[in-house]
C-alpha atoms as a PDB file:
ATOM      1  CA  MET A   1       6.078  21.759   1.046  1.00  0.00           C
ATOM      2  CA  PHE A   2       5.562  20.475  -2.488  1.00  0.00           C
ATOM      3  CA  GLY A   3       3.653  21.953  -5.399  1.00  0.00           C
ATOM      4  CA  ASN A   4       2.318  20.432  -8.578  1.00  0.00           C
ATOM      5  CA  ILE A   5       3.838  21.097 -11.945  1.00  0.00           C
ATOM      6  CA  GLU A   6       1.315  18.797 -13.617  1.00  0.00           C
ATOM      7  CA  PRO A   7      -2.043  17.255 -12.621  1.00  0.00           C
ATOM      8  CA  ILE A   8      -2.018  14.098 -10.500  1.00  0.00           C
ATOM      9  CA  ILE A   9      -4.643  11.398  -9.966  1.00  0.00           C
ATOM     10  CA  LEU A  10      -4.436   8.963  -7.061  1.00  0.00           C
ATOM     11  CA  ALA A  11      -5.844   5.615  -8.218  1.00  0.00           C
ATOM     12  CA  SER A  12      -6.869   4.621  -4.701  1.00  0.00           C
ATOM     13  CA  GLY A  13      -9.649   5.240  -2.233  1.00  0.00           C
ATOM     14  CA  SER A  14      -7.336   4.583   0.717  1.00  0.00           C
ATOM     15  CA  PRO A  15      -7.747   7.324   3.335  1.00  0.00           C
ATOM     16  CA  ARG A  16      -4.164   6.692   4.493  1.00  0.00           C
ATOM     17  CA  ARG A  17      -2.663   7.274   1.040  1.00  0.00           C
ATOM     18  CA  LYS A  18      -4.831  10.369   0.589  1.00  0.00           C
ATOM     19  CA  GLN A  19      -3.742  11.770   3.962  1.00  0.00           C
ATOM     20  CA  TYR A  20      -0.053  11.315   3.152  1.00  0.00           C
ATOM     21  CA  LEU A  21      -0.364  13.288  -0.094  1.00  0.00           C
ATOM     22  CA  ASP A  22      -2.516  15.946   1.612  1.00  0.00           C
ATOM     23  CA  ASP A  23       0.110  16.350   4.327  1.00  0.00           C
ATOM     24  CA  LEU A  24       2.804  16.979   1.696  1.00  0.00           C
ATOM     25  CA  GLY A  25       0.769  19.751   0.083  1.00  0.00           C
ATOM     26  CA  ILE A  26       0.344  17.860  -3.192  1.00  0.00           C
ATOM     27  CA  ASP A  27      -2.799  18.681  -5.176  1.00  0.00           C
ATOM     28  CA  PHE A  28      -4.478  15.577  -6.596  1.00  0.00           C
ATOM     29  CA  THR A  29      -7.776  14.002  -7.589  1.00  0.00           C
ATOM     30  CA  VAL A  30      -8.915  10.688  -6.127  1.00  0.00           C
ATOM     31  CA  PHE A  31     -10.167   8.129  -8.637  1.00  0.00           C
ATOM     32  CA  PRO A  32     -10.369   4.623  -7.146  1.00  0.00           C
ATOM     33  CA  VAL A  33     -10.343   1.744  -9.589  1.00  0.00           C
ATOM     34  CA  ALA A  34     -11.687  -1.781  -9.156  1.00  0.00           C
ATOM     35  CA  ILE A  35      -9.708  -4.580 -10.774  1.00  0.00           C
ATOM     36  CA  ASP A  36      -9.380  -8.311 -10.135  1.00  0.00           C
ATOM     37  CA  GLU A  37      -6.848  -8.526  -7.292  1.00  0.00           C
ATOM     38  CA  THR A  38      -6.416 -12.299  -7.354  1.00  0.00           C
ATOM     39  CA  PRO A  39      -2.829 -13.569  -7.554  1.00  0.00           C
ATOM     40  CA  VAL A  40      -2.073 -15.786 -10.541  1.00  0.00           C
ATOM     41  CA  ASN A  41      -1.390 -19.367  -9.451  1.00  0.00           C
ATOM     42  CA  GLY A  42       2.204 -19.499  -8.173  1.00  0.00           C
ATOM     43  CA  GLU A  43       2.755 -15.735  -8.588  1.00  0.00           C
ATOM     44  CA  GLU A  44       5.465 -14.373  -6.299  1.00  0.00           C
ATOM     45  CA  ALA A  45       4.415 -11.553  -3.968  1.00  0.00           C
ATOM     46  CA  ASP A  46       6.789  -8.965  -5.457  1.00  0.00           C
ATOM     47  CA  LEU A  47       5.572  -9.689  -8.987  1.00  0.00           C
ATOM     48  CA  PHE A  48       1.960  -9.635  -7.790  1.00  0.00           C
ATOM     49  CA  VAL A  49       2.095  -6.178  -6.158  1.00  0.00           C
ATOM     50  CA  GLU A  50       4.007  -4.714  -9.090  1.00  0.00           C
ATOM     51  CA  ARG A  51       1.428  -6.127 -11.522  1.00  0.00           C
ATOM     52  CA  MET A  52      -1.477  -4.813  -9.418  1.00  0.00           C
ATOM     53  CA  ALA A  53       0.040  -1.316  -9.282  1.00  0.00           C
ATOM     54  CA  ARG A  54       0.652  -1.314 -13.050  1.00  0.00           C
ATOM     55  CA  GLU A  55      -2.870  -2.556 -13.844  1.00  0.00           C
ATOM     56  CA  LYS A  56      -4.517   0.002 -11.548  1.00  0.00           C
ATOM     57  CA  ALA A  57      -2.415   2.813 -13.027  1.00  0.00           C
ATOM     58  CA  ALA A  58      -3.157   1.699 -16.602  1.00  0.00           C
ATOM     59  CA  ALA A  59      -6.906   1.466 -15.930  1.00  0.00           C
ATOM     60  CA  VAL A  60      -7.059   5.070 -14.675  1.00  0.00           C
ATOM     61  CA  SER A  61      -4.543   6.414 -17.186  1.00  0.00           C
ATOM     62  CA  SER A  62      -6.661   5.118 -20.072  1.00  0.00           C
ATOM     63  CA  GLN A  63      -9.484   7.395 -18.859  1.00  0.00           C
ATOM     64  CA  PHE A  64      -7.270  10.396 -18.007  1.00  0.00           C
ATOM     65  CA  PRO A  65      -4.323  10.226 -20.444  1.00  0.00           C
ATOM     66  CA  GLY A  66      -3.308  13.847 -19.798  1.00  0.00           C
ATOM     67  CA  SER A  67      -2.660  13.351 -16.076  1.00  0.00           C
ATOM     68  CA  TRP A  68      -0.033  11.592 -14.008  1.00  0.00           C
ATOM     69  CA  VAL A  69      -1.476   8.582 -12.207  1.00  0.00           C
ATOM     70  CA  ILE A  70      -0.189   7.183  -8.909  1.00  0.00           C
ATOM     71  CA  ALA A  71      -1.221   3.623  -8.075  1.00  0.00           C
ATOM     72  CA  GLY A  72      -0.053   1.200  -5.431  1.00  0.00           C
ATOM     73  CA  ASP A  73      -0.747  -2.198  -3.980  1.00  0.00           C
ATOM     74  CA  THR A  74       0.408  -3.496  -0.596  1.00  0.00           C
ATOM     75  CA  VAL A  75       0.484  -7.037   0.767  1.00  0.00           C
ATOM     76  CA  VAL A  76       1.759  -8.688   3.922  1.00  0.00           C
ATOM     77  CA  CYS A  77       3.832 -11.814   3.321  1.00  0.00           C
ATOM     78  CA  LEU A  78       4.542 -14.584   5.804  1.00  0.00           C
ATOM     79  CA  GLY A  79       7.218 -16.596   4.063  1.00  0.00           C
ATOM     80  CA  ARG A  80       5.848 -17.158   0.563  1.00  0.00           C
ATOM     81  CA  LYS A  81       2.210 -16.773   1.617  1.00  0.00           C
ATOM     82  CA  ILE A  82       0.441 -13.544   0.605  1.00  0.00           C
ATOM     83  CA  LEU A  83      -1.895 -12.095   3.226  1.00  0.00           C
ATOM     84  CA  GLY A  84      -4.245  -9.595   1.628  1.00  0.00           C
ATOM     85  CA  LYS A  85      -7.265  -7.946   3.215  1.00  0.00           C
ATOM     86  CA  PRO A  86      -9.313 -10.448   5.270  1.00  0.00           C
ATOM     87  CA  VAL A  87     -12.833 -11.142   4.036  1.00  0.00           C
ATOM     88  CA  ASP A  88     -14.304 -11.448   7.548  1.00  0.00           C
ATOM     89  CA  ASN A  89     -13.431 -11.451  11.263  1.00  0.00           C
ATOM     90  CA  ALA A  90     -12.615 -15.167  11.278  1.00  0.00           C
ATOM     91  CA  GLU A  91     -10.007 -14.736   8.540  1.00  0.00           C
ATOM     92  CA  ALA A  92      -8.643 -11.634  10.284  1.00  0.00           C
ATOM     93  CA  LEU A  93      -8.199 -13.622  13.491  1.00  0.00           C
ATOM     94  CA  ALA A  94      -6.469 -16.456  11.641  1.00  0.00           C
ATOM     95  CA  MET A  95      -4.094 -13.997   9.935  1.00  0.00           C
ATOM     96  CA  LEU A  96      -3.202 -12.289  13.197  1.00  0.00           C
ATOM     97  CA  MET A  97      -2.537 -15.574  14.997  1.00  0.00           C
ATOM     98  CA  SER A  98      -0.295 -16.727  12.126  1.00  0.00           C
ATOM     99  CA  LEU A  99       1.755 -13.506  12.538  1.00  0.00           C
ATOM    100  CA  SER A 100       2.024 -13.634  16.364  1.00  0.00           C
ATOM    101  CA  GLY A 101       5.662 -13.668  17.494  1.00  0.00           C
ATOM    102  CA  LYS A 102       6.973 -13.787  13.911  1.00  0.00           C
ATOM    103  CA  ARG A 103       8.762 -11.648  11.354  1.00  0.00           C
ATOM    104  CA  HIS A 104       6.905 -10.849   8.160  1.00  0.00           C
ATOM    105  CA  THR A 105       7.479  -8.694   5.094  1.00  0.00           C
ATOM    106  CA  VAL A 106       5.290  -5.856   3.834  1.00  0.00           C
ATOM    107  CA  ARG A 107       5.655  -5.382   0.081  1.00  0.00           C
ATOM    108  CA  THR A 108       4.290  -2.451  -1.903  1.00  0.00           C
ATOM    109  CA  GLY A 109       4.363  -2.041  -5.647  1.00  0.00           C
ATOM    110  CA  ILE A 110       4.034   1.578  -6.681  1.00  0.00           C
ATOM    111  CA  CYS A 111       3.512   2.897 -10.200  1.00  0.00           C
ATOM    112  CA  LEU A 112       3.577   6.381 -11.709  1.00  0.00           C
ATOM    113  CA  CYS A 113       2.511   6.782 -15.318  1.00  0.00           C
ATOM    114  CA  HIS A 114       1.372   9.304 -17.927  1.00  0.00           C
ATOM    115  CA  GLY A 115      -0.680   8.022 -20.869  1.00  0.00           C
ATOM    116  CA  GLU A 116      -0.054  10.777 -23.423  1.00  0.00           C
ATOM    117  CA  LYS A 117       3.657  11.023 -22.671  1.00  0.00           C
ATOM    118  CA  LYS A 118       3.974   7.225 -22.571  1.00  0.00           C
ATOM    119  CA  LEU A 119       6.065   7.555 -19.402  1.00  0.00           C
ATOM    120  CA  PHE A 120       6.039   4.832 -16.798  1.00  0.00           C
ATOM    121  CA  SER A 121       7.961   4.363 -13.549  1.00  0.00           C
ATOM    122  CA  HIS A 122       7.560   1.716 -10.878  1.00  0.00           C
ATOM    123  CA  ARG A 123       9.222   0.577  -7.681  1.00  0.00           C
ATOM    124  CA  LEU A 124       9.000  -2.300  -5.258  1.00  0.00           C
ATOM    125  CA  VAL A 125       9.506  -1.445  -1.575  1.00  0.00           C
ATOM    126  CA  GLU A 126       9.921  -4.023   1.199  1.00  0.00           C
ATOM    127  CA  THR A 127       9.794  -3.555   4.963  1.00  0.00           C
ATOM    128  CA  LYS A 128      10.433  -6.211   7.621  1.00  0.00           C
ATOM    129  CA  VAL A 129       8.039  -6.165  10.580  1.00  0.00           C
ATOM    130  CA  VAL A 130       8.290  -8.248  13.749  1.00  0.00           C
ATOM    131  CA  PHE A 131       5.219  -8.904  15.879  1.00  0.00           C
ATOM    132  CA  GLY A 132       5.486  -9.589  19.571  1.00  0.00           C
ATOM    133  CA  ALA A 133       3.830 -12.782  20.761  1.00  0.00           C
ATOM    134  CA  PHE A 134       0.172 -12.428  21.780  1.00  0.00           C
ATOM    135  CA  ASP A 135      -2.638 -14.810  22.674  1.00  0.00           C
ATOM    136  CA  GLU A 136      -5.938 -15.398  20.911  1.00  0.00           C
ATOM    137  CA  SER A 137      -7.930 -13.270  23.345  1.00  0.00           C
ATOM    138  CA  THR A 138      -5.689 -10.288  22.512  1.00  0.00           C
ATOM    139  CA  ALA A 139      -6.165 -10.922  18.791  1.00  0.00           C
ATOM    140  CA  ARG A 140      -9.948 -11.232  19.257  1.00  0.00           C
ATOM    141  CA  GLY A 141      -9.992  -7.930  21.135  1.00  0.00           C
ATOM    142  CA  TYR A 142      -8.169  -6.225  18.289  1.00  0.00           C
ATOM    143  CA  VAL A 143     -10.450  -7.793  15.655  1.00  0.00           C
ATOM    144  CA  ALA A 144     -13.451  -6.488  17.632  1.00  0.00           C
ATOM    145  CA  THR A 145     -12.255  -2.898  17.039  1.00  0.00           C
ATOM    146  CA  GLY A 146     -13.264  -3.302  13.389  1.00  0.00           C
ATOM    147  CA  GLU A 147      -9.926  -1.999  12.161  1.00  0.00           C
ATOM    148  CA  CYS A 148      -8.748  -5.243  10.538  1.00  0.00           C
ATOM    149  CA  LEU A 149     -11.002  -5.723   7.543  1.00  0.00           C
ATOM    150  CA  ASP A 150      -9.645  -3.070   5.170  1.00  0.00           C
ATOM    151  CA  LYS A 151      -5.976  -3.727   5.955  1.00  0.00           C
ATOM    152  CA  ALA A 152      -3.551  -6.162   4.337  1.00  0.00           C
ATOM    153  CA  GLY A 153      -2.491  -8.702   6.945  1.00  0.00           C
ATOM    154  CA  ALA A 154      -5.424  -7.626   9.148  1.00  0.00           C
ATOM    155  CA  TYR A 155      -3.600  -4.849  11.030  1.00  0.00           C
ATOM    156  CA  GLY A 156      -2.983  -1.117  10.857  1.00  0.00           C
ATOM    157  CA  ILE A 157       0.427  -0.035  12.167  1.00  0.00           C
ATOM    158  CA  GLN A 158      -0.650   3.637  12.116  1.00  0.00           C
ATOM    159  CA  SER A 159      -3.581   3.092  14.454  1.00  0.00           C
ATOM    160  CA  LYS A 160      -4.736   0.628  17.118  1.00  0.00           C
ATOM    161  CA  GLY A 161      -2.657  -2.193  15.622  1.00  0.00           C
ATOM    162  CA  ALA A 162       0.597  -0.440  16.547  1.00  0.00           C
ATOM    163  CA  PHE A 163       0.724  -2.404  19.831  1.00  0.00           C
ATOM    164  CA  LEU A 164       1.263  -5.646  17.882  1.00  0.00           C
ATOM    165  CA  VAL A 165       4.546  -4.422  16.392  1.00  0.00           C
ATOM    166  CA  LYS A 166       7.768  -5.186  18.260  1.00  0.00           C
ATOM    167  CA  ALA A 167      10.248  -3.983  15.628  1.00  0.00           C
ATOM    168  CA  ILE A 168      10.404  -2.602  12.111  1.00  0.00           C
ATOM    169  CA  GLU A 169      13.237  -2.557   9.585  1.00  0.00           C
ATOM    170  CA  GLY A 170      12.734  -0.273   6.594  1.00  0.00           C
ATOM    171  CA  SER A 171      10.086   2.221   5.525  1.00  0.00           C
ATOM    172  CA  TYR A 172       7.299   2.905   8.023  1.00  0.00           C
ATOM    173  CA  SER A 173       5.150   4.672   5.410  1.00  0.00           C
ATOM    174  CA  ASN A 174       5.411   1.540   3.266  1.00  0.00           C
ATOM    175  CA  VAL A 175       3.708  -0.478   6.015  1.00  0.00           C
ATOM    176  CA  VAL A 176       0.948   2.141   6.116  1.00  0.00           C
ATOM    177  CA  GLY A 177       0.554   1.617   2.353  1.00  0.00           C
ATOM    178  CA  LEU A 178       2.461   4.334   0.479  1.00  0.00           C
ATOM    179  CA  PRO A 179       6.283   4.439   0.532  1.00  0.00           C
ATOM    180  CA  LEU A 180       6.747   8.205   0.556  1.00  0.00           C
ATOM    181  CA  HIS A 181      10.499   8.472   0.045  1.00  0.00           C
ATOM    182  CA  GLU A 182      10.368   6.379  -3.104  1.00  0.00           C
ATOM    183  CA  LEU A 183       7.201   8.047  -4.416  1.00  0.00           C
ATOM    184  CA  LEU A 184       8.644  11.545  -3.989  1.00  0.00           C
ATOM    185  CA  GLU A 185      11.811  10.487  -5.839  1.00  0.00           C
ATOM    186  CA  MET A 186       9.650   9.255  -8.715  1.00  0.00           C
ATOM    187  CA  LEU A 187       7.538  12.438  -8.781  1.00  0.00           C
ATOM    188  CA  ARG A 188      10.619  14.675  -8.746  1.00  0.00           C
ATOM    189  CA  ASP A 189      12.509  12.590 -11.331  1.00  0.00           C
ATOM    190  CA  CYS A 190       9.538  12.861 -13.714  1.00  0.00           C
ATOM    191  CA  ARG A 191       9.162  16.602 -12.948  1.00  0.00           C
ATOM    192  CA  VAL A 192       5.594  16.197 -11.687  1.00  0.00           C
ATOM    193  CA  ILE A 193       6.134  18.200  -8.483  1.00  0.00           C
ATOM    194  CA  SER A 194       8.525  20.851  -7.226  1.00  0.00           C
ATOM    195  CA  THR A 195       9.624  22.029  -3.797  1.00  0.00           C
ATOM    196  CA  HIS A 196       8.149  25.347  -2.637  1.00  0.00           C
END
């Protein structure tokens, strides 16, 4: 569907983000980067995910200044509380129970940059998700699948966790972790890809 005009690096080891780009026919190199992903005290969720995306993109771009770098960061927010990836099953269970029967917001900061050209584009995408009510035994059963630990908010909408979701308002791909509509707009606007 899409072809590269210039080289692209995905600054993420996420299999979901990789699959999305593969499915679109985009050629890219994967180069995950490890940075401190701790929110600054009092940092708002939208500012946090935008900062994380920028810092990941900058870290990779400094090593590959001749390529376009795509970086993103996704968090689940319940009110003002940021729910990142749980550290263990107990935290995953606590996160899930806090989301049961409630509406929450999935926020993704996405950044596209090119070091040599000194070009930089970023977006913030928000999706509202409503969970149906469920009991602790249901949450424990889901945690036992092992799917929770590498997912913000302790669930994967694209897999087993889909049964938790009652309604969604906004971008589905954003909840998975890569808002495709917005990313493709950025890639086309910067003339990084073209349509076959």
